[in-house]
Protein backbone atom coordinates (compact mmCIF):
# COMPACT_ATOMS: atom_id res chain seq x y z
CA MET A 1 -23.83 -28.08 -208.92
CA ASN A 2 -27.56 -27.62 -208.95
CA ASN A 3 -27.86 -28.72 -205.30
CA PHE A 4 -25.07 -26.33 -204.29
CA ASN A 5 -26.76 -23.39 -206.06
CA SER A 6 -30.11 -24.29 -204.51
CA ASN A 7 -28.61 -24.37 -200.99
CA ALA A 8 -26.79 -21.07 -201.59
CA MET A 9 -29.98 -19.38 -202.68
CA ASN A 10 -32.06 -20.90 -199.86
CA PRO A 11 -29.86 -21.04 -196.75
CA ILE A 12 -31.05 -22.95 -193.71
CA THR A 13 -33.10 -20.73 -191.42
CA GLU A 14 -33.82 -20.86 -187.68
CA ASP A 15 -37.32 -22.08 -188.51
CA ASP A 16 -35.79 -24.95 -190.50
CA ILE A 17 -33.68 -25.93 -187.49
CA ALA A 18 -36.64 -25.60 -185.10
CA ASN A 19 -38.85 -27.73 -187.38
CA TYR A 20 -36.13 -30.36 -187.70
CA LEU A 21 -35.68 -30.63 -183.94
CA SER A 22 -39.45 -30.72 -183.38
CA ASN A 23 -39.86 -33.51 -185.91
CA THR A 24 -36.78 -35.43 -184.77
CA PRO A 25 -37.35 -36.13 -181.06
CA ASP A 26 -34.48 -38.64 -180.86
CA PHE A 27 -31.88 -36.08 -182.01
CA PHE A 28 -30.73 -35.30 -178.45
CA GLU A 29 -30.69 -39.00 -177.62
CA ARG A 30 -28.09 -39.46 -180.33
CA HIS A 31 -26.27 -36.26 -179.31
CA ALA A 32 -26.81 -36.23 -175.55
CA GLN A 33 -23.53 -34.38 -174.96
CA LEU A 34 -25.05 -31.27 -176.52
CA LEU A 35 -27.50 -30.88 -173.63
CA GLY A 36 -24.61 -30.16 -171.32
CA GLN A 37 -22.66 -28.06 -173.78
CA VAL A 38 -25.37 -25.64 -174.94
CA GLN A 39 -25.07 -22.33 -173.09
CA LEU A 40 -27.89 -19.77 -173.05
CA THR A 41 -28.18 -16.27 -171.64
CA SER A 42 -30.24 -16.08 -168.48
CA PRO A 43 -33.10 -13.51 -168.55
CA HIS A 44 -32.07 -12.63 -164.98
CA GLY A 45 -28.72 -11.06 -165.81
CA ASN A 46 -26.08 -11.66 -168.43
CA ARG A 47 -24.69 -14.89 -167.03
CA ALA A 48 -24.63 -18.03 -169.17
CA VAL A 49 -26.69 -21.02 -168.07
CA SER A 50 -27.08 -24.54 -169.39
CA LEU A 51 -30.07 -25.65 -171.41
CA GLN A 52 -31.45 -27.55 -168.40
CA GLU A 53 -31.14 -24.47 -166.18
CA ARG A 54 -32.88 -22.33 -168.80
CA GLN A 55 -35.72 -24.86 -169.03
CA ALA A 56 -36.05 -24.81 -165.24
CA GLU A 57 -36.22 -21.00 -165.28
CA MET A 58 -38.93 -21.12 -167.95
CA LEU A 59 -40.92 -23.60 -165.87
CA ARG A 60 -40.60 -21.38 -162.79
CA GLU A 61 -41.85 -18.41 -164.83
CA LYS A 62 -44.82 -20.41 -166.07
CA ILE A 63 -45.63 -21.56 -162.55
CA LYS A 64 -45.42 -17.98 -161.28
CA ALA A 65 -47.77 -16.82 -164.06
CA LEU A 66 -50.23 -19.58 -163.18
CA GLU A 67 -50.05 -18.61 -159.51
CA HIS A 68 -50.94 -15.02 -160.43
CA ARG A 69 -53.89 -16.26 -162.49
CA VAL A 70 -55.15 -18.37 -159.60
CA MET A 71 -54.82 -15.40 -157.24
CA ASP A 72 -56.79 -13.24 -159.70
CA MET A 73 -59.50 -15.90 -159.91
CA VAL A 74 -59.75 -16.09 -156.12
CA ARG A 75 -59.88 -12.29 -155.87
CA HIS A 76 -62.59 -12.03 -158.53
CA GLY A 77 -64.52 -14.83 -156.85
CA THR A 78 -64.40 -12.97 -153.54
CA GLU A 79 -65.48 -9.71 -155.17
CA ASN A 80 -68.37 -11.47 -156.91
CA ALA A 81 -69.50 -13.01 -153.62
CA VAL A 82 -69.48 -9.59 -151.95
CA THR A 83 -71.42 -8.08 -154.86
CA ALA A 84 -73.98 -10.89 -154.76
CA ASP A 85 -74.45 -10.35 -151.02
CA ARG A 86 -75.02 -6.62 -151.50
CA LEU A 87 -77.46 -7.26 -154.33
CA GLN A 88 -79.41 -9.65 -152.13
CA ARG A 89 -79.60 -7.07 -149.34
CA TRP A 90 -80.75 -4.40 -151.82
CA THR A 91 -83.40 -6.73 -153.26
CA ARG A 92 -84.64 -7.65 -149.78
CA GLY A 93 -85.17 -3.95 -149.10
CA LEU A 94 -87.34 -3.66 -152.23
CA LEU A 95 -89.46 -6.64 -151.19
CA THR A 96 -90.00 -5.47 -147.62
CA THR A 97 -90.98 -1.88 -148.46
CA ARG A 98 -94.71 -1.67 -147.87
CA ASP A 99 -95.34 1.87 -149.11
CA PRO A 100 -94.85 2.05 -152.89
CA ARG A 101 -94.42 5.80 -152.53
CA ALA A 102 -91.05 5.26 -150.85
CA LEU A 103 -89.67 2.80 -153.42
CA PRO A 104 -87.92 5.13 -155.92
CA ALA A 105 -86.04 7.04 -153.23
CA GLN A 106 -85.09 3.77 -151.52
CA ILE A 107 -83.85 2.22 -154.77
CA ALA A 108 -81.46 5.13 -155.33
CA ALA A 109 -80.42 5.59 -151.69
CA GLN A 110 -79.70 1.91 -151.06
CA LEU A 111 -77.68 1.59 -154.26
CA GLN A 112 -75.63 4.55 -153.13
CA ALA A 113 -75.07 3.12 -149.64
CA LEU A 114 -74.54 -0.57 -150.39
CA PHE A 115 -72.46 -0.22 -153.56
CA MET A 116 -70.63 2.96 -152.53
CA VAL A 117 -71.89 5.00 -155.48
CA PRO A 118 -71.00 8.68 -154.91
CA GLN A 119 -74.24 10.02 -156.40
CA THR A 120 -77.56 8.54 -157.51
CA ALA A 121 -80.83 9.91 -158.85
CA ILE A 122 -84.05 8.50 -160.24
CA LYS A 123 -87.05 9.80 -162.16
CA ILE A 124 -90.17 8.00 -163.36
CA TRP A 125 -93.03 8.88 -165.68
CA ASP A 126 -96.23 7.19 -166.87
CA PHE A 127 -97.09 6.63 -163.20
CA ASP A 128 -100.37 6.51 -161.31
CA SER A 129 -101.72 9.98 -160.57
CA ALA A 130 -101.54 9.24 -156.83
CA TYR A 131 -97.77 9.84 -156.99
CA GLN A 132 -97.72 13.00 -159.12
CA ASP A 133 -96.57 15.25 -156.26
CA GLU A 134 -93.47 13.17 -155.41
CA ALA A 135 -90.04 14.61 -156.24
CA TYR A 136 -89.10 11.62 -158.39
CA ALA A 137 -92.26 12.11 -160.49
CA GLN A 138 -91.73 15.74 -161.41
CA TRP A 139 -91.47 16.93 -165.00
CA VAL A 140 -89.06 15.08 -167.26
CA SER A 141 -88.36 16.34 -170.78
CA ASP A 142 -89.38 14.40 -173.87
CA ASP A 143 -85.69 14.28 -174.82
CA VAL A 144 -84.81 12.36 -171.64
CA LYS A 145 -87.75 10.00 -172.16
CA ALA A 146 -86.65 9.37 -175.74
CA LEU A 147 -83.06 8.78 -174.65
CA ALA A 148 -84.13 6.30 -171.98
CA THR A 149 -86.30 4.38 -174.44
CA SER A 150 -83.50 4.31 -177.03
CA LEU A 151 -81.09 2.63 -174.61
CA THR A 152 -81.14 -1.12 -175.18
CA ALA A 153 -78.56 -1.49 -172.39
CA PRO A 154 -77.26 0.83 -169.68
CA TYR A 155 -75.02 3.61 -170.93
CA CYS A 156 -71.66 3.81 -169.17
CA GLY A 157 -69.13 6.52 -169.97
CA LEU A 158 -68.11 10.11 -169.50
CA ASN A 159 -70.80 12.64 -168.64
CA SER A 160 -71.01 14.71 -171.79
CA GLY A 161 -73.60 17.08 -170.40
CA PHE A 162 -76.55 14.71 -170.09
CA GLU A 163 -79.72 16.45 -168.97
CA ALA A 164 -80.35 13.64 -166.48
CA ALA A 165 -77.11 14.55 -164.68
CA GLY A 166 -78.93 17.68 -163.56
CA TRP A 167 -81.04 15.50 -161.26
CA LEU A 168 -77.97 14.81 -159.11
CA ALA A 169 -77.18 16.79 -155.97
CA GLU A 170 -73.80 17.83 -157.43
CA PRO A 171 -73.96 17.61 -161.22
CA GLN A 172 -70.54 19.23 -161.61
CA ALA A 173 -68.96 16.28 -159.75
CA ALA A 174 -70.42 13.71 -162.16
CA VAL A 175 -67.43 12.92 -164.38
CA SER A 176 -68.43 9.38 -165.33
CA ILE A 177 -72.03 8.27 -165.39
CA ALA A 178 -74.30 5.25 -165.82
CA LEU A 179 -77.77 5.77 -167.27
CA ILE A 180 -80.02 2.79 -166.55
CA PRO A 181 -83.40 2.69 -168.33
CA LEU A 182 -86.35 1.27 -166.44
CA ARG A 183 -88.98 -0.58 -168.46
CA PRO A 184 -91.69 -3.17 -167.74
CA GLU A 185 -90.32 -5.61 -170.33
CA PRO A 186 -87.36 -5.69 -172.74
CA GLU A 187 -89.07 -4.24 -175.82
CA ALA A 188 -91.36 -1.78 -174.04
CA PRO A 189 -90.77 1.98 -173.83
CA ALA A 190 -88.94 3.16 -170.72
CA PHE A 191 -90.99 4.57 -167.84
CA GLY A 192 -88.02 5.79 -165.79
CA LEU A 193 -84.30 6.38 -165.64
CA LEU A 194 -81.82 5.58 -162.88
CA VAL A 195 -78.60 7.62 -162.77
CA LEU A 196 -75.34 6.57 -161.09
CA ALA A 197 -72.44 9.02 -161.10
CA SER A 198 -68.86 9.31 -159.88
CA PRO A 199 -66.03 11.87 -159.91
CA ASP A 200 -63.76 9.02 -161.07
CA ALA A 201 -63.59 9.03 -164.87
CA GLN A 202 -63.02 5.25 -164.91
CA ARG A 203 -65.79 4.22 -162.49
CA TYR A 204 -68.27 3.95 -165.37
CA ASN A 205 -66.58 3.43 -168.72
CA ALA A 206 -67.53 2.14 -172.15
CA GLU A 207 -65.40 -1.00 -171.74
CA MET A 208 -67.11 -2.29 -168.60
CA GLY A 209 -69.70 -5.05 -168.66
CA THR A 210 -73.30 -4.09 -168.00
CA ASP A 211 -74.73 -7.46 -166.87
CA PHE A 212 -74.89 -6.36 -163.24
CA LEU A 213 -76.50 -3.01 -164.11
CA GLU A 214 -79.05 -4.79 -166.30
CA ARG A 215 -79.98 -6.97 -163.34
CA ILE A 216 -80.39 -3.84 -161.23
CA ALA A 217 -82.66 -2.41 -163.93
CA GLU A 218 -84.85 -5.53 -164.05
CA LEU A 219 -85.29 -5.67 -160.27
CA ALA A 220 -85.95 -1.95 -159.93
CA SER A 221 -88.42 -2.00 -162.82
CA GLY A 222 -90.29 -4.92 -161.28
CA ALA A 223 -90.54 -3.20 -157.92
CA LEU A 224 -91.64 0.10 -159.45
CA SER A 225 -94.47 -1.56 -161.38
CA ARG A 226 -96.51 -0.94 -158.20
CA LEU A 227 -96.48 2.78 -159.01
CA ARG A 228 -97.81 2.40 -162.54
CA PRO A 229 -101.47 2.55 -163.60
């Protein structure tokens, strides 16, 4: 009586059946006829299929998912190779520029051309007095300098009216923006700010990785050290 009451209060569940079958691998050896009798609903329509057919369909779906993952890996690998090639070309331009005076404009212009950035701008401060008349060395507010120094990594996101966006040729078209601080070493105050902007709200977003932009910042900062006292 006690066993009956216990079973009535705790009926066998699907998990119990699944656990039993998982822990009893020889069950279908003893009941092989069930493999041919079990009928399941196919996910591709309402027709009934055998257990073997359903397993085959599941394997095909897994294979298809793996194929998509491989294709994504190949695509990302190709994109990374293209990006690395463009970065190398951009870096080569920095190394072969003889006149330091031309470096800031070249940094911004080549980023725009090679990486298809709709708009770029750059400003520097704490520079040698020999460059004080250059457009990129004109007055920058203390607020912008403080913002650049406060950035421990490039800012990527919507343009919420950043003052630095006003350096762009068409500030009103800068929907998403990347602000890249330029500094001589990681813990030092910033001596410049590089701005990348796009009319696409998703081009620069808070979810994107900044490793590539940080590499750009390091290379640009190293090249621009020639303009500093």
